[in-house]
Amino acid sequence: MEASTQAIIDRLRATPDMEQREEIAGLVRKPHKNGGATQQCHECIYFMPNHAFCNLPELNFPVNADWWCKLWRM
């Protein structure tokens, strides 16, 4: 795991406020373009499609399938 990813996770663990956690995770409410590819929550291993929920322990909150965050597929 990259040091920057670990730093994000450490900050998330220390922050109980949901809005601050969204900001720390870099959550954007639209797909992310990376070169020619689109990255979205529904492609991440932590996305729970039946619940529209991010199951990453450090995030652990509702997300839409087409959103994206810095921890995408970490």
N, C-alpha and C. Protein backbone atom coordinates (compact mmCIF):
# COMPACT_ATOMS: atom_id res chain seq x y z
N MET A 1 0.85 -1.18 0.00
CA MET A 1 0.00 0.00 0.00
C MET A 1 0.90 1.24 0.00
N GLU A 2 0.55 2.19 -0.83
CA GLU A 2 1.33 3.43 -0.92
C GLU A 2 1.21 4.23 0.37
N ALA A 3 2.25 5.03 0.63
CA ALA A 3 2.26 5.87 1.84
C ALA A 3 1.10 6.86 1.82
N SER A 4 0.78 7.42 0.64
CA SER A 4 -0.32 8.38 0.57
C SER A 4 -1.67 7.72 0.86
N THR A 5 -1.83 6.48 0.40
CA THR A 5 -3.05 5.74 0.70
C THR A 5 -3.15 5.46 2.19
N GLN A 6 -2.06 5.06 2.80
CA GLN A 6 -2.05 4.80 4.24
C GLN A 6 -2.35 6.07 5.02
N ALA A 7 -1.84 7.21 4.56
CA ALA A 7 -2.11 8.50 5.24
C ALA A 7 -3.60 8.84 5.18
N ILE A 8 -4.24 8.58 4.04
CA ILE A 8 -5.68 8.82 3.90
C ILE A 8 -6.44 7.92 4.86
N ILE A 9 -6.08 6.65 4.90
CA ILE A 9 -6.75 5.70 5.78
C ILE A 9 -6.59 6.09 7.24
N ASP A 10 -5.40 6.51 7.63
CA ASP A 10 -5.16 6.94 9.01
C ASP A 10 -6.03 8.14 9.37
N ARG A 11 -6.14 9.11 8.45
CA ARG A 11 -6.98 10.28 8.71
C ARG A 11 -8.46 9.89 8.81
N LEU A 12 -8.90 8.97 7.96
CA LEU A 12 -10.29 8.52 8.01
C LEU A 12 -10.61 7.84 9.33
N ARG A 13 -9.70 7.02 9.79
CA ARG A 13 -9.91 6.31 11.07
C ARG A 13 -10.03 7.28 12.23
N ALA A 14 -9.37 8.42 12.15
CA ALA A 14 -9.37 9.38 13.24
C ALA A 14 -10.50 10.41 13.14
N THR A 15 -11.31 10.34 12.09
CA THR A 15 -12.34 11.35 11.85
C THR A 15 -13.73 10.74 11.90
N PRO A 16 -14.53 11.06 12.91
CA PRO A 16 -15.87 10.50 13.00
C PRO A 16 -16.91 11.23 12.12
N ASP A 17 -16.65 12.48 11.76
CA ASP A 17 -17.62 13.29 11.02
C ASP A 17 -17.72 12.82 9.56
N MET A 18 -18.93 12.47 9.12
CA MET A 18 -19.14 11.93 7.78
C MET A 18 -18.73 12.90 6.67
N GLU A 19 -19.08 14.16 6.80
CA GLU A 19 -18.73 15.13 5.76
C GLU A 19 -17.22 15.28 5.64
N GLN A 20 -16.53 15.30 6.77
CA GLN A 20 -15.07 15.38 6.73
C GLN A 20 -14.48 14.11 6.12
N ARG A 21 -15.05 12.97 6.42
CA ARG A 21 -14.57 11.71 5.85
C ARG A 21 -14.74 11.68 4.33
N GLU A 22 -15.86 12.20 3.84
CA GLU A 22 -16.07 12.29 2.40
C GLU A 22 -14.99 13.16 1.75
N GLU A 23 -14.68 14.28 2.41
CA GLU A 23 -13.66 15.19 1.89
C GLU A 23 -12.27 14.53 1.90
N ILE A 24 -11.93 13.88 2.99
CA ILE A 24 -10.63 13.21 3.11
C ILE A 24 -10.48 12.13 2.04
N ALA A 25 -11.54 11.37 1.80
CA ALA A 25 -11.52 10.29 0.81
C ALA A 25 -11.53 10.82 -0.62
N GLY A 26 -11.79 12.11 -0.77
CA GLY A 26 -11.85 12.69 -2.11
C GLY A 26 -13.06 12.22 -2.89
N LEU A 27 -14.13 11.93 -2.18
CA LEU A 27 -15.34 11.41 -2.82
C LEU A 27 -15.90 12.44 -3.78
N VAL A 28 -16.11 12.02 -5.01
CA VAL A 28 -16.77 12.88 -6.00
C VAL A 28 -18.03 12.18 -6.45
N ARG A 29 -19.04 12.94 -6.66
CA ARG A 29 -20.36 12.37 -6.97
C ARG A 29 -20.57 12.25 -8.48
N LYS A 30 -19.51 11.79 -9.14
CA LYS A 30 -19.57 11.51 -10.57
C LYS A 30 -18.42 10.56 -10.91
N PRO A 31 -18.48 9.90 -12.06
CA PRO A 31 -17.38 9.02 -12.44
C PRO A 31 -16.08 9.80 -12.61
N HIS A 32 -14.98 9.14 -12.39
CA HIS A 32 -13.65 9.74 -12.52
C HIS A 32 -13.03 9.25 -13.82
N LYS A 33 -12.49 10.17 -14.58
CA LYS A 33 -11.81 9.81 -15.83
C LYS A 33 -10.33 9.67 -15.56
N ASN A 34 -9.77 8.53 -15.92
CA ASN A 34 -8.33 8.28 -15.77
C ASN A 34 -7.82 7.83 -17.13
N GLY A 35 -7.26 8.77 -17.89
CA GLY A 35 -6.90 8.48 -19.27
C GLY A 35 -8.16 8.24 -20.06
N GLY A 36 -8.26 7.11 -20.73
CA GLY A 36 -9.46 6.79 -21.50
C GLY A 36 -10.47 5.98 -20.71
N ALA A 37 -10.12 5.60 -19.49
CA ALA A 37 -11.00 4.74 -18.69
C ALA A 37 -11.80 5.56 -17.69
N THR A 38 -12.97 5.05 -17.36
CA THR A 38 -13.82 5.65 -16.34
C THR A 38 -13.76 4.77 -15.10
N GLN A 39 -13.57 5.38 -13.94
CA GLN A 39 -13.53 4.65 -12.68
C GLN A 39 -14.74 5.06 -11.86
N GLN A 40 -15.47 4.05 -11.34
CA GLN A 40 -16.68 4.31 -10.58
C GLN A 40 -16.75 3.36 -9.40
N CYS A 41 -17.52 3.74 -8.38
CA CYS A 41 -17.67 2.90 -7.19
C CYS A 41 -18.12 1.48 -7.53
N HIS A 42 -19.02 1.34 -8.49
CA HIS A 42 -19.56 0.00 -8.76
C HIS A 42 -18.49 -0.96 -9.28
N GLU A 43 -17.32 -0.47 -9.65
CA GLU A 43 -16.22 -1.33 -10.10
C GLU A 43 -15.26 -1.67 -8.97
N CYS A 44 -15.45 -1.08 -7.82
CA CYS A 44 -14.56 -1.28 -6.67
C CYS A 44 -14.96 -2.54 -5.90
N ILE A 45 -13.97 -3.22 -5.34
CA ILE A 45 -14.25 -4.46 -4.61
C ILE A 45 -15.02 -4.21 -3.31
N TYR A 46 -15.03 -2.98 -2.82
CA TYR A 46 -15.72 -2.67 -1.57
C TYR A 46 -17.16 -2.20 -1.77
N PHE A 47 -17.58 -2.02 -3.02
CA PHE A 47 -18.94 -1.57 -3.29
C PHE A 47 -19.93 -2.72 -3.12
N MET A 48 -20.97 -2.48 -2.34
CA MET A 48 -22.04 -3.47 -2.12
C MET A 48 -23.26 -3.02 -2.93
N PRO A 49 -23.44 -3.59 -4.13
CA PRO A 49 -24.49 -3.09 -5.04
C PRO A 49 -25.91 -3.21 -4.50
N ASN A 50 -26.21 -4.23 -3.74
CA ASN A 50 -27.57 -4.39 -3.22
C ASN A 50 -27.93 -3.35 -2.16
N HIS A 51 -26.92 -2.71 -1.62
CA HIS A 51 -27.15 -1.72 -0.57
C HIS A 51 -26.67 -0.32 -0.96
N ALA A 52 -26.04 -0.18 -2.15
CA ALA A 52 -25.42 1.08 -2.59
C ALA A 52 -24.57 1.63 -1.45
N PHE A 53 -23.59 0.83 -1.06
CA PHE A 53 -22.83 1.10 0.15
C PHE A 53 -21.36 0.77 -0.07
N CYS A 54 -20.48 1.60 0.48
CA CYS A 54 -19.04 1.33 0.46
C CYS A 54 -18.69 0.59 1.75
N ASN A 55 -18.19 -0.63 1.60
CA ASN A 55 -17.90 -1.47 2.75
C ASN A 55 -16.43 -1.37 3.19
N LEU A 56 -15.68 -0.45 2.63
CA LEU A 56 -14.31 -0.23 3.10
C LEU A 56 -14.40 0.22 4.55
N PRO A 57 -13.79 -0.50 5.49
CA PRO A 57 -13.98 -0.19 6.91
C PRO A 57 -13.74 1.28 7.27
N GLU A 58 -12.80 1.91 6.61
CA GLU A 58 -12.49 3.31 6.93
C GLU A 58 -13.53 4.28 6.38
N LEU A 59 -14.28 3.89 5.38
CA LEU A 59 -15.34 4.75 4.85
C LEU A 59 -16.68 4.32 5.41
N ASN A 60 -17.13 3.13 4.99
CA ASN A 60 -18.32 2.54 5.58
C ASN A 60 -19.53 3.48 5.56
N PHE A 61 -19.91 3.96 4.35
CA PHE A 61 -21.10 4.79 4.23
C PHE A 61 -21.75 4.61 2.85
N PRO A 62 -22.99 5.09 2.71
CA PRO A 62 -23.72 4.93 1.45
C PRO A 62 -23.04 5.71 0.31
N VAL A 63 -22.99 5.09 -0.86
CA VAL A 63 -22.46 5.74 -2.07
C VAL A 63 -23.32 5.34 -3.25
N ASN A 64 -23.30 6.13 -4.28
CA ASN A 64 -23.97 5.77 -5.53
C ASN A 64 -22.99 5.01 -6.41
N ALA A 65 -23.50 4.18 -7.27
CA ALA A 65 -22.66 3.32 -8.11
C ALA A 65 -21.72 4.12 -9.01
N ASP A 66 -22.10 5.32 -9.40
CA ASP A 66 -21.26 6.08 -10.32
C ASP A 66 -20.34 7.10 -9.64
N TRP A 67 -20.26 7.10 -8.34
CA TRP A 67 -19.32 7.97 -7.64
C TRP A 67 -17.91 7.39 -7.70
N TRP A 68 -16.95 8.10 -7.14
CA TRP A 68 -15.55 7.67 -7.13
C TRP A 68 -14.87 8.30 -5.92
N CYS A 69 -13.81 7.64 -5.38
CA CYS A 69 -13.00 8.23 -4.31
C CYS A 69 -11.52 7.89 -4.53
N LYS A 70 -10.65 8.56 -3.80
CA LYS A 70 -9.20 8.35 -3.91
C LYS A 70 -8.78 6.94 -3.58
N LEU A 71 -9.58 6.21 -2.83
CA LEU A 71 -9.23 4.87 -2.41
C LEU A 71 -9.81 3.81 -3.35
N TRP A 72 -10.26 4.24 -4.52
CA TRP A 72 -10.87 3.35 -5.49
C TRP A 72 -9.96 2.16 -5.76
N ARG A 73 -10.46 0.97 -5.52
CA ARG A 73 -9.76 -0.29 -5.78
C ARG A 73 -8.37 -0.33 -5.17
N MET A 74 -8.20 0.29 -4.03
CA MET A 74 -6.87 0.31 -3.42
C MET A 74 -6.36 -1.06 -3.24
